[in-house]
C-alpha atoms as a PDB file:
ATOM      1  CA  MET A   1       0.765   3.237  77.036  1.00  0.00           C
ATOM      2  CA  ILE A   2       2.393   6.244  75.203  1.00  0.00           C
ATOM      3  CA  PRO A   3       5.167   4.122  73.731  1.00  0.00           C
ATOM      4  CA  PHE A   4       2.557   1.789  72.198  1.00  0.00           C
ATOM      5  CA  LEU A   5       0.677   4.711  70.649  1.00  0.00           C
ATOM      6  CA  VAL A   6       3.935   6.093  69.111  1.00  0.00           C
ATOM      7  CA  TYR A   7       4.742   2.646  67.894  1.00  0.00           C
ATOM      8  CA  ILE A   8       1.270   2.217  66.242  1.00  0.00           C
ATOM      9  CA  VAL A   9       1.331   5.682  64.736  1.00  0.00           C
ATOM     10  CA  SER A  10       4.764   4.866  63.309  1.00  0.00           C
ATOM     11  CA  LEU A  11       3.405   1.722  61.641  1.00  0.00           C
ATOM     12  CA  TYR A  12       0.618   3.767  60.070  1.00  0.00           C
ATOM     13  CA  GLY A  13       3.172   6.360  58.952  1.00  0.00           C
ATOM     14  CA  ILE A  14       5.403   3.780  57.423  1.00  0.00           C
ATOM     15  CA  ILE A  15       2.425   2.230  55.462  1.00  0.00           C
ATOM     16  CA  LEU A  16       1.619   5.722  54.117  1.00  0.00           C
ATOM     17  CA  ILE A  17       5.168   6.384  53.064  1.00  0.00           C
ATOM     18  CA  LEU A  18       5.319   2.988  51.325  1.00  0.00           C
ATOM     19  CA  CYS A  19       2.098   3.669  49.433  1.00  0.00           C
ATOM     20  CA  GLY A  20       3.451   7.034  48.321  1.00  0.00           C
ATOM     21  CA  LEU A  21       6.621   5.347  47.116  1.00  0.00           C
ATOM     22  CA  ASP A  22       4.437   2.832  45.236  1.00  0.00           C
ATOM     23  CA  LEU A  23       2.496   5.664  43.620  1.00  0.00           C
ATOM     24  CA  ARG A  24       5.733   7.426  42.577  1.00  0.00           C
ATOM     25  CA  ALA A  25       7.067   4.081  41.156  1.00  0.00           C
ATOM     26  CA  GLY A  26       3.773   3.507  39.229  1.00  0.00           C
ATOM     27  CA  ILE A  27       3.940   6.949  37.726  1.00  0.00           C
ATOM     28  CA  GLN A  28       7.433   6.282  36.558  1.00  0.00           C
ATOM     29  CA  LYS A  29       6.394   2.940  35.090  1.00  0.00           C
ATOM     30  CA  ALA A  30       3.570   4.549  33.208  1.00  0.00           C
ATOM     31  CA  LYS A  31       5.990   7.109  31.828  1.00  0.00           C
ATOM     32  CA  LEU A  32       8.303   4.376  30.683  1.00  0.00           C
ATOM     33  CA  ARG A  33       5.468   2.580  28.886  1.00  0.00           C
ATOM     34  CA  GLY A  34       4.328   5.804  27.384  1.00  0.00           C
ATOM     35  CA  GLU A  35       0.885   5.633  29.066  1.00  0.00           C
ATOM     36  CA  TYR A  36      -1.125   8.749  29.695  1.00  0.00           C
ATOM     37  CA  ARG A  37      -1.691   9.208  33.453  1.00  0.00           C
ATOM     38  CA  THR A  38      -5.303   9.608  34.405  1.00  0.00           C
ATOM     39  CA  SER A  39      -7.120  10.265  37.679  1.00  0.00           C
ATOM     40  CA  GLU A  40      -8.227   6.605  37.620  1.00  0.00           C
ATOM     41  CA  GLY A  41      -4.750   5.500  38.795  1.00  0.00           C
ATOM     42  CA  TYR A  42      -4.658   8.074  41.539  1.00  0.00           C
ATOM     43  CA  ARG A  43      -8.173   7.018  42.623  1.00  0.00           C
ATOM     44  CA  ARG A  44      -6.948   3.384  42.878  1.00  0.00           C
ATOM     45  CA  THR A  45      -4.135   4.487  45.099  1.00  0.00           C
ATOM     46  CA  VAL A  46      -6.557   6.388  47.414  1.00  0.00           C
ATOM     47  CA  TYR A  47      -8.904   3.464  47.465  1.00  0.00           C
ATOM     48  CA  LYS A  48      -5.987   1.097  48.254  1.00  0.00           C
ATOM     49  CA  LEU A  49      -4.922   3.401  51.094  1.00  0.00           C
ATOM     50  CA  SER A  50      -8.459   3.510  52.486  1.00  0.00           C
ATOM     51  CA  ARG A  51      -8.705  -0.260  52.434  1.00  0.00           C
ATOM     52  CA  TYR A  52      -5.372  -0.649  54.128  1.00  0.00           C
ATOM     53  CA  PHE A  53      -6.170   1.854  56.811  1.00  0.00           C
ATOM     54  CA  ASN A  54      -9.634   0.513  57.460  1.00  0.00           C
ATOM     55  CA  PHE A  55      -8.103  -2.985  57.872  1.00  0.00           C
ATOM     56  CA  MET A  56      -5.274  -1.684  59.984  1.00  0.00           C
ATOM     57  CA  LEU A  57      -7.758   0.176  62.180  1.00  0.00           C
ATOM     58  CA  ALA A  58      -9.894  -2.858  62.746  1.00  0.00           C
ATOM     59  CA  VAL A  59      -6.762  -4.845  63.690  1.00  0.00           C
ATOM     60  CA  THR A  60      -5.569  -2.139  65.942  1.00  0.00           C
ATOM     61  CA  LEU A  61      -8.863  -2.147  67.813  1.00  0.00           C
ATOM     62  CA  VAL A  62      -8.540  -6.011  68.260  1.00  0.00           C
ATOM     63  CA  ASP A  63      -4.994  -5.334  69.526  1.00  0.00           C
ATOM     64  CA  GLY A  64      -6.403  -2.760  71.940  1.00  0.00           C
ATOM     65  CA  ILE A  65      -8.870  -5.382  73.357  1.00  0.00           C
ATOM     66  CA  GLN A  66      -6.089  -7.860  73.553  1.00  0.00           C
ATOM     67  CA  MET A  67      -3.848  -5.384  75.363  1.00  0.00           C
ATOM     68  CA  LEU A  68      -6.629  -4.345  77.819  1.00  0.00           C
ATOM     69  CA  THR A  69      -7.260  -7.998  78.551  1.00  0.00           C
ATOM     70  CA  VAL A  70      -3.456  -8.582  79.126  1.00  0.00           C
ATOM     71  CA  HIS A  71      -3.470  -5.510  81.445  1.00  0.00           C
ATOM     72  CA  TYR A  72      -6.469  -6.847  83.299  1.00  0.00           C
ATOM     73  CA  PHE A  73      -4.905 -10.245  83.854  1.00  0.00           C
ATOM     74  CA  SER A  74      -1.410  -8.931  84.547  1.00  0.00           C
ATOM     75  CA  PRO A  75      -1.673  -9.250  88.354  1.00  0.00           C
ATOM     76  CA  TYR A  76      -2.512 -12.905  87.885  1.00  0.00           C
ATOM     77  CA  TYR A  77      -0.267 -13.989  84.935  1.00  0.00           C
ATOM     78  CA  SER A  78       2.862 -12.633  83.331  1.00  0.00           C
ATOM     79  CA  LEU A  79       1.602 -11.872  79.771  1.00  0.00           C
ATOM     80  CA  ILE A  80       3.333  -9.730  77.168  1.00  0.00           C
ATOM     81  CA  MET A  81       1.440  -6.528  76.216  1.00  0.00           C
ATOM     82  CA  PHE A  82       2.273  -5.804  72.643  1.00  0.00           C
ATOM     83  CA  PRO A  83       0.167  -4.958  69.489  1.00  0.00           C
ATOM     84  CA  PHE A  84       1.098  -8.289  67.796  1.00  0.00           C
ATOM     85  CA  PHE A  85      -1.784  -8.268  65.196  1.00  0.00           C
ATOM     86  CA  THR A  86      -1.154  -4.615  64.089  1.00  0.00           C
ATOM     87  CA  SER A  87       2.563  -5.314  63.705  1.00  0.00           C
ATOM     88  CA  ALA A  88       1.917  -8.491  61.611  1.00  0.00           C
ATOM     89  CA  ILE A  89      -0.585  -6.751  59.355  1.00  0.00           C
ATOM     90  CA  ALA A  90       1.707  -3.753  58.893  1.00  0.00           C
ATOM     91  CA  ILE A  91       4.578  -6.137  57.964  1.00  0.00           C
ATOM     92  CA  LEU A  92       2.351  -7.883  55.483  1.00  0.00           C
ATOM     93  CA  ILE A  93       1.153  -4.628  53.886  1.00  0.00           C
ATOM     94  CA  GLY A  94       4.775  -3.359  53.862  1.00  0.00           C
ATOM     95  CA  VAL A  95       5.923  -6.529  51.968  1.00  0.00           C
ATOM     96  CA  ILE A  96       3.151  -6.141  49.432  1.00  0.00           C
ATOM     97  CA  GLU A  97       4.040  -2.523  48.784  1.00  0.00           C
ATOM     98  CA  VAL A  98       7.725  -3.251  48.443  1.00  0.00           C
ATOM     99  CA  ILE A  99       6.986  -5.995  45.896  1.00  0.00           C
ATOM    100  CA  SER A 100       4.705  -3.634  44.023  1.00  0.00           C
ATOM    101  CA  ILE A 101       7.414  -0.971  43.948  1.00  0.00           C
ATOM    102  CA  HIS A 102      10.081  -3.275  42.525  1.00  0.00           C
ATOM    103  CA  GLU A 103       7.613  -4.896  40.015  1.00  0.00           C
ATOM    104  CA  LYS A 104       8.933  -4.457  36.530  1.00  0.00           C
ATOM    105  CA  ALA A 105       6.866  -2.427  34.074  1.00  0.00           C
ATOM    106  CA  GLU A 106       7.241  -5.219  31.457  1.00  0.00           C
ATOM    107  CA  ASP A 107       5.704  -7.778  33.928  1.00  0.00           C
ATOM    108  CA  LYS A 108       2.738  -5.561  34.343  1.00  0.00           C
ATOM    109  CA  GLU A 109       2.318  -5.058  30.612  1.00  0.00           C
ATOM    110  CA  LYS A 110       2.621  -8.876  29.981  1.00  0.00           C
ATOM    111  CA  ARG A 111      -0.178  -9.477  32.563  1.00  0.00           C
ATOM    112  CA  GLU A 112      -2.417  -6.856  30.897  1.00  0.00           C
ATOM    113  CA  MET A 113      -1.715  -8.417  27.474  1.00  0.00           C
ATOM    114  CA  ALA A 114      -2.570 -11.880  28.758  1.00  0.00           C
ATOM    115  CA  ARG A 115      -5.847 -10.528  30.295  1.00  0.00           C
ATOM    116  CA  ALA A 116      -6.713  -8.863  26.921  1.00  0.00           C
ATOM    117  CA  ALA A 117      -5.998 -12.144  25.027  1.00  0.00           C
ATOM    118  CA  LYS A 118      -8.113 -14.029  27.451  1.00  0.00           C
ATOM    119  CA  LEU A 119     -10.978 -11.516  27.024  1.00  0.00           C
ATOM    120  CA  ALA A 120     -10.617 -11.767  23.239  1.00  0.00           C
ATOM    121  CA  GLY A 121     -10.822 -15.588  23.470  1.00  0.00           C
ATOM    122  CA  GLU A 122     -13.952 -15.505  25.552  1.00  0.00           C
ATOM    123  CA  ILE A 123     -15.506 -13.150  23.088  1.00  0.00           C
ATOM    124  CA  LEU A 124     -14.604 -15.334  20.121  1.00  0.00           C
ATOM    125  CA  ALA A 125     -15.897 -18.426  21.948  1.00  0.00           C
ATOM    126  CA  ASN A 126     -19.390 -16.923  21.880  1.00  0.00           C
ATOM    127  CA  GLN A 127     -20.939 -18.619  18.756  1.00  0.00           C
ATOM    128  CA  ASN A 128     -23.609 -15.881  18.305  1.00  0.00           C
ATOM    129  CA  LEU A 129     -21.060 -13.215  18.371  1.00  0.00           C
ATOM    130  CA  ARG A 130     -18.973 -15.063  15.797  1.00  0.00           C
ATOM    131  CA  GLU A 131     -21.947 -15.220  13.515  1.00  0.00           C
ATOM    132  CA  ILE A 132     -22.698 -11.518  13.995  1.00  0.00           C
ATOM    133  CA  ILE A 133     -19.091 -10.618  13.141  1.00  0.00           C
ATOM    134  CA  GLY A 134     -19.230 -12.833  10.066  1.00  0.00           C
ATOM    135  CA  SER A 135     -22.431 -11.173   9.042  1.00  0.00           C
ATOM    136  CA  VAL A 136     -20.929  -7.707   9.449  1.00  0.00           C
ATOM    137  CA  ASN A 137     -17.839  -8.693   7.518  1.00  0.00           C
ATOM    138  CA  ASN A 138     -19.979 -10.162   4.673  1.00  0.00           C
ATOM    139  CA  PHE A 139     -22.053  -6.994   4.576  1.00  0.00           C
ATOM    140  CA  ILE A 140     -19.000  -4.762   4.518  1.00  0.00           C
ATOM    141  CA  GLY A 141     -17.313  -6.983   1.870  1.00  0.00           C
ATOM    142  CA  ASP A 142     -20.464  -6.976  -0.249  1.00  0.00           C
ATOM    143  CA  LYS A 143     -20.781  -3.205   0.062  1.00  0.00           C
ATOM    144  CA  ARG A 144     -17.136  -2.732  -0.983  1.00  0.00           C
ATOM    145  CA  ILE A 145     -17.704  -4.885  -4.037  1.00  0.00           C
ATOM    146  CA  ASN A 146     -20.853  -3.060  -4.991  1.00  0.00           C
ATOM    147  CA  ASN A 147     -19.187   0.263  -4.532  1.00  0.00           C
ATOM    148  CA  THR A 148     -16.281  -0.647  -6.751  1.00  0.00           C
ATOM    149  CA  HIS A 149     -18.674  -1.860  -9.516  1.00  0.00           C
ATOM    150  CA  GLU A 150     -20.827   1.304  -9.274  1.00  0.00           C
ATOM    151  CA  GLU A 151     -17.883   3.689  -9.706  1.00  0.00           C
ATOM    152  CA  GLU A 152     -16.662   2.027 -12.904  1.00  0.00           C
ATOM    153  CA  PRO A 153     -17.993   3.724 -16.079  1.00  0.00           C
END
């Protein structure tokens, strides 16, 4: 049983290290883009870690149930006792983190620009907002015209 605990703790440690490397890579990418680093990015990393570890803990408990069941039936059947689910999820999370580490800063910037363009399109699609913007522009334009005429002697 001790080798399984060492193995599972190692999986958790590897996930923690990969998240730390992703954080470091994210900081370097932000520096390259000239972005100011705020606590929001760090909070996202902590939130991501908590989600990963909560999910890993739930899967580890399922593996514990599976391994206890295998141990119980071992006198009757030859079954393999191994934390399959925890291993699979750790591999999946590891792959996600490695992809995130190697993601180019330009790709992230392109995605953010596409998201901003989509939002701008949605805003402009709203007819009422278009009318409001037109009214504001007309008001500002009329005010500029009136101000230029008032200043002339």
